[in-house]
Amino acid sequence: MDESPSAKRWLPLEANPDVMNQFLWGLGLPEDEAECHDVYGLDEELLEMVPRPVLAVLFLYPITPQSEEERILQDSVKKEHNDRVYFMKQTVGNACGTIGLLHAVGNVTSEIKLLEGSFLDRFYKSTAAMDPLERAAFLEKDREMEVAHSVAATAGETEASDNVDAHFICFACVDGQLYELDGRKSAPISHGPSSPSSLLQDAAKAIQGMIQKNPDSMSFNVIVFSKKAR
């Protein structure tokens, strides 16, 4: 779900690593570079099972009155913006899964090699100097991405419906800080110091805090974007 100034709405992407992998591989992420995996729980033992190195963490959570209240409160606080964080706003309804993946890949382009001239390679080069709203407008007009998203959204196991009340965000480590990247917020949110090796544990802590604020909900999903072992 997304309150968006644009009338454009896509079908939501399923929280399914297989669907996300096919989507990213089709857009120019080489299959032997990185892929998404499910995280089965946030306790240390289950986190140990996650393939490393982890490049980013995606979190799907329910939109509730509490989460909306917190978002509005966070947006009222002025934030220092680090230009090295790749961040974009969301103006297309239900595009949060795609934007979560664009945030995941966009903040590790120095760690992974995208196929030269591929969609993702062109997208990041075209939007590198843009601000978050200009990137949103660029995505909104991008027919190639819209088609790719639509194919991925209908490839899941659950029937695609555009009436959803859940939202994807991404956690990434940039310049020694853990950032929450949420296209419905006005800027990245820093969650304090982090490092590539502690990113998963640090993101898990932040996610546990969010889950505790919505104790009645069961609809949470955590997916990692991990570099493939050579």
C-alpha atoms as a PDB file:
ATOM      1  CA  MET A   1       0.000   0.000   0.000  1.00  0.00           C
ATOM      2  CA  ASP A   2       1.266   3.441  -0.742  1.00  0.00           C
ATOM      3  CA  GLU A   3      -0.203   6.908  -0.676  1.00  0.00           C
ATOM      4  CA  SER A   4       1.225   8.244  -3.879  1.00  0.00           C
ATOM      5  CA  PRO A   5       0.810  11.552  -5.686  1.00  0.00           C
ATOM      6  CA  SER A   6       0.838   9.598  -8.945  1.00  0.00           C
ATOM      7  CA  ALA A   7      -2.275   7.924 -10.275  1.00  0.00           C
ATOM      8  CA  LYS A   8      -0.100   5.088 -11.517  1.00  0.00           C
ATOM      9  CA  ARG A   9      -0.378   1.792  -9.627  1.00  0.00           C
ATOM     10  CA  TRP A  10       1.448  -1.473 -10.185  1.00  0.00           C
ATOM     11  CA  LEU A  11       0.626  -4.945  -8.910  1.00  0.00           C
ATOM     12  CA  PRO A  12       2.617  -5.663  -5.735  1.00  0.00           C
ATOM     13  CA  LEU A  13       5.714  -7.852  -5.850  1.00  0.00           C
ATOM     14  CA  GLU A  14       5.458 -11.012  -3.757  1.00  0.00           C
ATOM     15  CA  ALA A  15       7.879 -11.429  -0.835  1.00  0.00           C
ATOM     16  CA  ASN A  16       9.416 -14.409  -2.600  1.00  0.00           C
ATOM     17  CA  PRO A  17      13.188 -14.676  -3.214  1.00  0.00           C
ATOM     18  CA  ASP A  18      12.709 -16.798  -6.381  1.00  0.00           C
ATOM     19  CA  VAL A  19      10.488 -14.124  -7.945  1.00  0.00           C
ATOM     20  CA  MET A  20      12.891 -11.355  -6.908  1.00  0.00           C
ATOM     21  CA  ASN A  21      15.919 -13.217  -8.257  1.00  0.00           C
ATOM     22  CA  GLN A  22      14.334 -13.804 -11.681  1.00  0.00           C
ATOM     23  CA  PHE A  23      13.330 -10.135 -11.735  1.00  0.00           C
ATOM     24  CA  LEU A  24      16.847  -8.853 -10.890  1.00  0.00           C
ATOM     25  CA  TRP A  25      18.630 -11.343 -13.151  1.00  0.00           C
ATOM     26  CA  GLY A  26      16.360 -10.325 -16.030  1.00  0.00           C
ATOM     27  CA  LEU A  27      17.262  -6.643 -15.478  1.00  0.00           C
ATOM     28  CA  GLY A  28      21.025  -7.128 -15.595  1.00  0.00           C
ATOM     29  CA  LEU A  29      22.261  -8.553 -12.297  1.00  0.00           C
ATOM     30  CA  PRO A  30      24.447 -11.544 -13.275  1.00  0.00           C
ATOM     31  CA  GLU A  31      23.213 -14.775 -11.660  1.00  0.00           C
ATOM     32  CA  ASP A  32      26.646 -15.518 -10.241  1.00  0.00           C
ATOM     33  CA  GLU A  33      26.920 -12.097  -8.526  1.00  0.00           C
ATOM     34  CA  ALA A  34      24.146 -11.960  -5.915  1.00  0.00           C
ATOM     35  CA  GLU A  35      20.723 -13.322  -5.005  1.00  0.00           C
ATOM     36  CA  CYS A  36      17.881 -13.026  -2.491  1.00  0.00           C
ATOM     37  CA  HIS A  37      17.217 -15.546   0.295  1.00  0.00           C
ATOM     38  CA  ASP A  38      14.531 -15.957   2.955  1.00  0.00           C
ATOM     39  CA  VAL A  39      15.399 -15.261   6.590  1.00  0.00           C
ATOM     40  CA  TYR A  40      13.487 -17.717   8.775  1.00  0.00           C
ATOM     41  CA  GLY A  41      13.814 -15.876  12.065  1.00  0.00           C
ATOM     42  CA  LEU A  42      15.711 -13.110  13.803  1.00  0.00           C
ATOM     43  CA  ASP A  43      17.377 -15.030  16.620  1.00  0.00           C
ATOM     44  CA  GLU A  44      21.126 -15.572  16.375  1.00  0.00           C
ATOM     45  CA  GLU A  45      20.879 -19.248  15.454  1.00  0.00           C
ATOM     46  CA  LEU A  46      18.616 -18.609  12.443  1.00  0.00           C
ATOM     47  CA  LEU A  47      20.635 -15.573  11.343  1.00  0.00           C
ATOM     48  CA  GLU A  48      23.729 -17.807  11.274  1.00  0.00           C
ATOM     49  CA  MET A  49      22.087 -19.849   8.487  1.00  0.00           C
ATOM     50  CA  VAL A  50      21.816 -16.833   6.160  1.00  0.00           C
ATOM     51  CA  PRO A  51      24.225 -16.901   3.164  1.00  0.00           C
ATOM     52  CA  ARG A  52      26.954 -14.278   3.501  1.00  0.00           C
ATOM     53  CA  PRO A  53      28.207 -11.715   2.755  1.00  0.00           C
ATOM     54  CA  VAL A  54      24.879  -9.907   3.173  1.00  0.00           C
ATOM     55  CA  LEU A  55      24.663  -6.789   0.982  1.00  0.00           C
ATOM     56  CA  ALA A  56      21.213  -5.539   2.052  1.00  0.00           C
ATOM     57  CA  VAL A  57      18.167  -6.624   4.048  1.00  0.00           C
ATOM     58  CA  LEU A  58      14.572  -6.256   2.806  1.00  0.00           C
ATOM     59  CA  PHE A  59      11.694  -6.092   5.278  1.00  0.00           C
ATOM     60  CA  LEU A  60       7.983  -6.405   4.496  1.00  0.00           C
ATOM     61  CA  TYR A  61       5.714  -5.171   7.268  1.00  0.00           C
ATOM     62  CA  PRO A  62       2.011  -4.327   7.698  1.00  0.00           C
ATOM     63  CA  ILE A  63       0.924  -0.699   7.459  1.00  0.00           C
ATOM     64  CA  THR A  64      -0.946   0.059  10.674  1.00  0.00           C
ATOM     65  CA  PRO A  65      -2.139   3.254  12.402  1.00  0.00           C
ATOM     66  CA  GLN A  66       0.985   2.997  14.650  1.00  0.00           C
ATOM     67  CA  SER A  67       3.404   2.660  11.714  1.00  0.00           C
ATOM     68  CA  GLU A  68       1.737   5.582   9.915  1.00  0.00           C
ATOM     69  CA  GLU A  69       1.940   7.749  13.026  1.00  0.00           C
ATOM     70  CA  GLU A  70       5.649   6.980  13.354  1.00  0.00           C
ATOM     71  CA  ARG A  71       6.303   7.718   9.665  1.00  0.00           C
ATOM     72  CA  ILE A  72       4.652  11.155   9.943  1.00  0.00           C
ATOM     73  CA  LEU A  73       6.628  11.857  13.134  1.00  0.00           C
ATOM     74  CA  GLN A  74       9.950  10.821  11.498  1.00  0.00           C
ATOM     75  CA  ASP A  75       9.211  12.983   8.465  1.00  0.00           C
ATOM     76  CA  SER A  76       8.695  16.036  10.660  1.00  0.00           C
ATOM     77  CA  VAL A  77      12.300  15.799  11.951  1.00  0.00           C
ATOM     78  CA  LYS A  78      14.970  17.386   9.744  1.00  0.00           C
ATOM     79  CA  LYS A  79      17.570  14.825   8.672  1.00  0.00           C
ATOM     80  CA  GLU A  80      21.139  15.227   7.504  1.00  0.00           C
ATOM     81  CA  HIS A  81      21.279  13.668   4.065  1.00  0.00           C
ATOM     82  CA  ASN A  82      24.323  11.642   3.043  1.00  0.00           C
ATOM     83  CA  ASP A  83      24.630  11.983  -0.750  1.00  0.00           C
ATOM     84  CA  ARG A  84      26.469   8.668  -0.903  1.00  0.00           C
ATOM     85  CA  VAL A  85      23.252   6.857   0.082  1.00  0.00           C
ATOM     86  CA  TYR A  86      21.274   5.875  -3.026  1.00  0.00           C
ATOM     87  CA  PHE A  87      17.695   6.815  -2.133  1.00  0.00           C
ATOM     88  CA  MET A  88      14.538   7.401  -4.131  1.00  0.00           C
ATOM     89  CA  LYS A  89      10.996   8.399  -3.268  1.00  0.00           C
ATOM     90  CA  GLN A  90       8.035   6.227  -4.187  1.00  0.00           C
ATOM     91  CA  THR A  91       5.308   7.801  -6.303  1.00  0.00           C
ATOM     92  CA  VAL A  92       3.927   4.666  -7.999  1.00  0.00           C
ATOM     93  CA  GLY A  93       1.396   2.720  -5.942  1.00  0.00           C
ATOM     94  CA  ASN A  94       2.531  -0.792  -4.906  1.00  0.00           C
ATOM     95  CA  ALA A  95       6.037  -0.277  -6.325  1.00  0.00           C
ATOM     96  CA  CYS A  96       7.647  -0.689  -2.881  1.00  0.00           C
ATOM     97  CA  GLY A  97       9.060  -4.169  -3.658  1.00  0.00           C
ATOM     98  CA  THR A  98      10.805  -2.910  -6.782  1.00  0.00           C
ATOM     99  CA  ILE A  99      12.026   0.229  -4.999  1.00  0.00           C
ATOM    100  CA  GLY A 100      13.316  -1.923  -2.116  1.00  0.00           C
ATOM    101  CA  LEU A 101      15.354  -3.955  -4.624  1.00  0.00           C
ATOM    102  CA  LEU A 102      16.573  -0.791  -6.398  1.00  0.00           C
ATOM    103  CA  HIS A 103      17.737   0.532  -3.002  1.00  0.00           C
ATOM    104  CA  ALA A 104      19.427  -2.817  -2.235  1.00  0.00           C
ATOM    105  CA  VAL A 105      21.377  -2.923  -5.510  1.00  0.00           C
ATOM    106  CA  GLY A 106      21.910   0.842  -5.770  1.00  0.00           C
ATOM    107  CA  ASN A 107      23.864   0.997  -2.518  1.00  0.00           C
ATOM    108  CA  VAL A 108      26.248  -1.842  -3.411  1.00  0.00           C
ATOM    109  CA  THR A 109      27.102  -1.074  -7.040  1.00  0.00           C
ATOM    110  CA  SER A 110      30.783  -1.019  -6.012  1.00  0.00           C
ATOM    111  CA  GLU A 111      30.429  -4.600  -4.663  1.00  0.00           C
ATOM    112  CA  ILE A 112      28.692  -6.198  -7.627  1.00  0.00           C
ATOM    113  CA  LYS A 113      29.185  -6.016 -11.386  1.00  0.00           C
ATOM    114  CA  LEU A 114      26.043  -5.271 -13.361  1.00  0.00           C
ATOM    115  CA  LEU A 115      25.936  -6.315 -17.001  1.00  0.00           C
ATOM    116  CA  GLU A 116      27.241  -3.435 -19.111  1.00  0.00           C
ATOM    117  CA  GLY A 117      24.377  -1.719 -20.929  1.00  0.00           C
ATOM    118  CA  SER A 118      21.693  -3.706 -19.054  1.00  0.00           C
ATOM    119  CA  PHE A 119      18.568  -2.062 -17.646  1.00  0.00           C
ATOM    120  CA  LEU A 120      20.011  -1.747 -14.116  1.00  0.00           C
ATOM    121  CA  ASP A 121      23.352  -0.450 -15.409  1.00  0.00           C
ATOM    122  CA  ARG A 122      21.566   2.248 -17.452  1.00  0.00           C
ATOM    123  CA  PHE A 123      19.114   3.050 -14.649  1.00  0.00           C
ATOM    124  CA  TYR A 124      21.784   3.788 -12.020  1.00  0.00           C
ATOM    125  CA  LYS A 125      23.966   5.734 -14.468  1.00  0.00           C
ATOM    126  CA  SER A 126      20.959   7.819 -15.600  1.00  0.00           C
ATOM    127  CA  THR A 127      19.751   8.571 -12.062  1.00  0.00           C
ATOM    128  CA  ALA A 128      23.132   8.975 -10.292  1.00  0.00           C
ATOM    129  CA  ALA A 129      22.999  12.789 -10.151  1.00  0.00           C
ATOM    130  CA  MET A 130      19.233  13.024  -9.536  1.00  0.00           C
ATOM    131  CA  ASP A 131      17.530  13.808  -6.231  1.00  0.00           C
ATOM    132  CA  PRO A 132      15.064  11.284  -4.676  1.00  0.00           C
ATOM    133  CA  LEU A 133      11.988  12.823  -6.349  1.00  0.00           C
ATOM    134  CA  GLU A 134      13.618  13.046  -9.775  1.00  0.00           C
ATOM    135  CA  ARG A 135      14.512   9.345  -9.481  1.00  0.00           C
ATOM    136  CA  ALA A 136      10.880   8.581  -8.623  1.00  0.00           C
ATOM    137  CA  ALA A 137       9.677  10.485 -11.699  1.00  0.00           C
ATOM    138  CA  PHE A 138      12.243   8.690 -13.876  1.00  0.00           C
ATOM    139  CA  LEU A 139      10.998   5.289 -12.642  1.00  0.00           C
ATOM    140  CA  GLU A 140       7.366   6.312 -13.131  1.00  0.00           C
ATOM    141  CA  LYS A 141       7.966   7.025 -16.835  1.00  0.00           C
ATOM    142  CA  ASP A 142      10.082   3.912 -17.373  1.00  0.00           C
ATOM    143  CA  ARG A 143       8.050   1.531 -19.500  1.00  0.00           C
ATOM    144  CA  GLU A 144      10.706  -1.204 -19.507  1.00  0.00           C
ATOM    145  CA  MET A 145      10.712  -1.368 -15.701  1.00  0.00           C
ATOM    146  CA  GLU A 146       6.913  -1.284 -15.563  1.00  0.00           C
ATOM    147  CA  VAL A 147       6.709  -4.313 -17.866  1.00  0.00           C
ATOM    148  CA  ALA A 148       9.436  -6.204 -15.948  1.00  0.00           C
ATOM    149  CA  HIS A 149       7.701  -5.455 -12.637  1.00  0.00           C
ATOM    150  CA  SER A 150       4.353  -6.616 -14.020  1.00  0.00           C
ATOM    151  CA  VAL A 151       5.853  -9.927 -15.211  1.00  0.00           C
ATOM    152  CA  ALA A 152       7.487 -10.466 -11.793  1.00  0.00           C
ATOM    153  CA  ALA A 153       4.341  -9.485  -9.876  1.00  0.00           C
ATOM    154  CA  THR A 154       2.267 -12.102 -11.697  1.00  0.00           C
ATOM    155  CA  ALA A 155       4.936 -14.811 -11.293  1.00  0.00           C
ATOM    156  CA  GLY A 156       4.352 -15.323  -7.564  1.00  0.00           C
ATOM    157  CA  GLU A 157       2.425 -18.103  -5.887  1.00  0.00           C
ATOM    158  CA  THR A 158      -0.303 -15.869  -4.486  1.00  0.00           C
ATOM    159  CA  GLU A 159      -2.866 -14.275  -6.771  1.00  0.00           C
ATOM    160  CA  ALA A 160      -1.797 -10.722  -7.557  1.00  0.00           C
ATOM    161  CA  SER A 161      -4.115  -8.039  -6.194  1.00  0.00           C
ATOM    162  CA  ASP A 162      -3.428  -4.352  -5.984  1.00  0.00           C
ATOM    163  CA  ASN A 163      -5.253  -4.052  -2.662  1.00  0.00           C
ATOM    164  CA  VAL A 164      -2.466  -4.572  -0.138  1.00  0.00           C
ATOM    165  CA  ASP A 165      -1.691  -3.123   3.263  1.00  0.00           C
ATOM    166  CA  ALA A 166       1.944  -4.152   3.561  1.00  0.00           C
ATOM    167  CA  HIS A 167       5.099  -2.285   2.630  1.00  0.00           C
ATOM    168  CA  PHE A 168       8.699  -3.155   1.677  1.00  0.00           C
ATOM    169  CA  ILE A 169      11.700  -1.243   2.973  1.00  0.00           C
ATOM    170  CA  CYS A 170      15.430  -1.873   2.661  1.00  0.00           C
ATOM    171  CA  PHE A 171      18.317  -1.706   5.151  1.00  0.00           C
ATOM    172  CA  ALA A 172      21.795  -0.984   3.784  1.00  0.00           C
ATOM    173  CA  CYS A 173      25.166  -0.072   5.253  1.00  0.00           C
ATOM    174  CA  VAL A 174      26.767   3.059   3.775  1.00  0.00           C
ATOM    175  CA  ASP A 175      29.851   4.816   5.196  1.00  0.00           C
ATOM    176  CA  GLY A 176      29.672   2.834   8.452  1.00  0.00           C
ATOM    177  CA  GLN A 177      26.005   3.649   9.123  1.00  0.00           C
ATOM    178  CA  LEU A 178      22.907   1.449   8.931  1.00  0.00           C
ATOM    179  CA  TYR A 179      20.263   3.203   6.836  1.00  0.00           C
ATOM    180  CA  GLU A 180      16.569   2.415   6.560  1.00  0.00           C
ATOM    181  CA  LEU A 181      15.471   3.228   3.002  1.00  0.00           C
ATOM    182  CA  ASP A 182      11.736   3.700   2.697  1.00  0.00           C
ATOM    183  CA  GLY A 183      10.328   5.378  -0.413  1.00  0.00           C
ATOM    184  CA  ARG A 184       7.317   6.634   1.564  1.00  0.00           C
ATOM    185  CA  LYS A 185       9.595   8.648   3.848  1.00  0.00           C
ATOM    186  CA  SER A 186      11.272  11.902   2.879  1.00  0.00           C
ATOM    187  CA  ALA A 187      14.868  10.741   3.464  1.00  0.00           C
ATOM    188  CA  PRO A 188      16.963   7.759   4.609  1.00  0.00           C
ATOM    189  CA  ILE A 189      16.764   7.083   8.372  1.00  0.00           C
ATOM    190  CA  SER A 190      20.067   6.340  10.130  1.00  0.00           C
ATOM    191  CA  HIS A 191      19.941   3.561  12.737  1.00  0.00           C
ATOM    192  CA  GLY A 192      23.474   4.169  13.980  1.00  0.00           C
ATOM    193  CA  PRO A 193      26.873   2.588  13.341  1.00  0.00           C
ATOM    194  CA  SER A 194      27.120  -0.599  11.284  1.00  0.00           C
ATOM    195  CA  SER A 195      29.547  -2.448   9.032  1.00  0.00           C
ATOM    196  CA  PRO A 196      29.188  -4.880   6.119  1.00  0.00           C
ATOM    197  CA  SER A 197      29.933  -7.779   8.499  1.00  0.00           C
ATOM    198  CA  SER A 198      27.376  -6.704  11.139  1.00  0.00           C
ATOM    199  CA  LEU A 199      24.716  -5.421   8.717  1.00  0.00           C
ATOM    200  CA  LEU A 200      22.440  -8.456   9.161  1.00  0.00           C
ATOM    201  CA  GLN A 201      22.530  -8.360  12.982  1.00  0.00           C
ATOM    202  CA  ASP A 202      22.108  -4.566  13.052  1.00  0.00           C
ATOM    203  CA  ALA A 203      19.163  -4.675  10.640  1.00  0.00           C
ATOM    204  CA  ALA A 204      17.634  -7.563  12.647  1.00  0.00           C
ATOM    205  CA  LYS A 205      17.727  -5.351  15.776  1.00  0.00           C
ATOM    206  CA  ALA A 206      15.995  -2.490  13.983  1.00  0.00           C
ATOM    207  CA  ILE A 207      13.410  -4.887  12.522  1.00  0.00           C
ATOM    208  CA  GLN A 208      12.719  -6.444  15.951  1.00  0.00           C
ATOM    209  CA  GLY A 209      12.016  -2.943  17.258  1.00  0.00           C
ATOM    210  CA  MET A 210       9.470  -2.398  14.472  1.00  0.00           C
ATOM    211  CA  ILE A 211       7.828  -5.783  15.064  1.00  0.00           C
ATOM    212  CA  GLN A 212       7.489  -5.058  18.798  1.00  0.00           C
ATOM    213  CA  LYS A 213       5.502  -1.928  17.953  1.00  0.00           C
ATOM    214  CA  ASN A 214       2.960  -4.056  16.039  1.00  0.00           C
ATOM    215  CA  PRO A 215       2.556  -7.074  18.323  1.00  0.00           C
ATOM    216  CA  ASP A 216      -0.835  -8.061  16.896  1.00  0.00           C
ATOM    217  CA  SER A 217       0.392  -8.588  13.368  1.00  0.00           C
ATOM    218  CA  MET A 218       1.869 -11.762  11.936  1.00  0.00           C
ATOM    219  CA  SER A 219       2.553 -10.533   8.407  1.00  0.00           C
ATOM    220  CA  PHE A 220       6.282  -9.816   8.456  1.00  0.00           C
ATOM    221  CA  ASN A 221       8.872 -11.060   5.979  1.00  0.00           C
ATOM    222  CA  VAL A 222      12.641 -10.643   6.001  1.00  0.00           C
ATOM    223  CA  ILE A 223      14.705 -11.316   2.879  1.00  0.00           C
ATOM    224  CA  VAL A 224      18.449 -10.823   2.452  1.00  0.00           C
ATOM    225  CA  PHE A 225      20.271  -9.795  -0.693  1.00  0.00           C
ATOM    226  CA  SER A 226      23.580 -11.678  -0.471  1.00  0.00           C
ATOM    227  CA  LYS A 227      26.668 -11.819  -2.636  1.00  0.00           C
ATOM    228  CA  LYS A 228      27.276 -15.262  -4.086  1.00  0.00           C
ATOM    229  CA  ALA A 229      30.286 -17.083  -2.730  1.00  0.00           C
ATOM    230  CA  ARG A 230      33.043 -17.436  -5.308  1.00  0.00           C
END
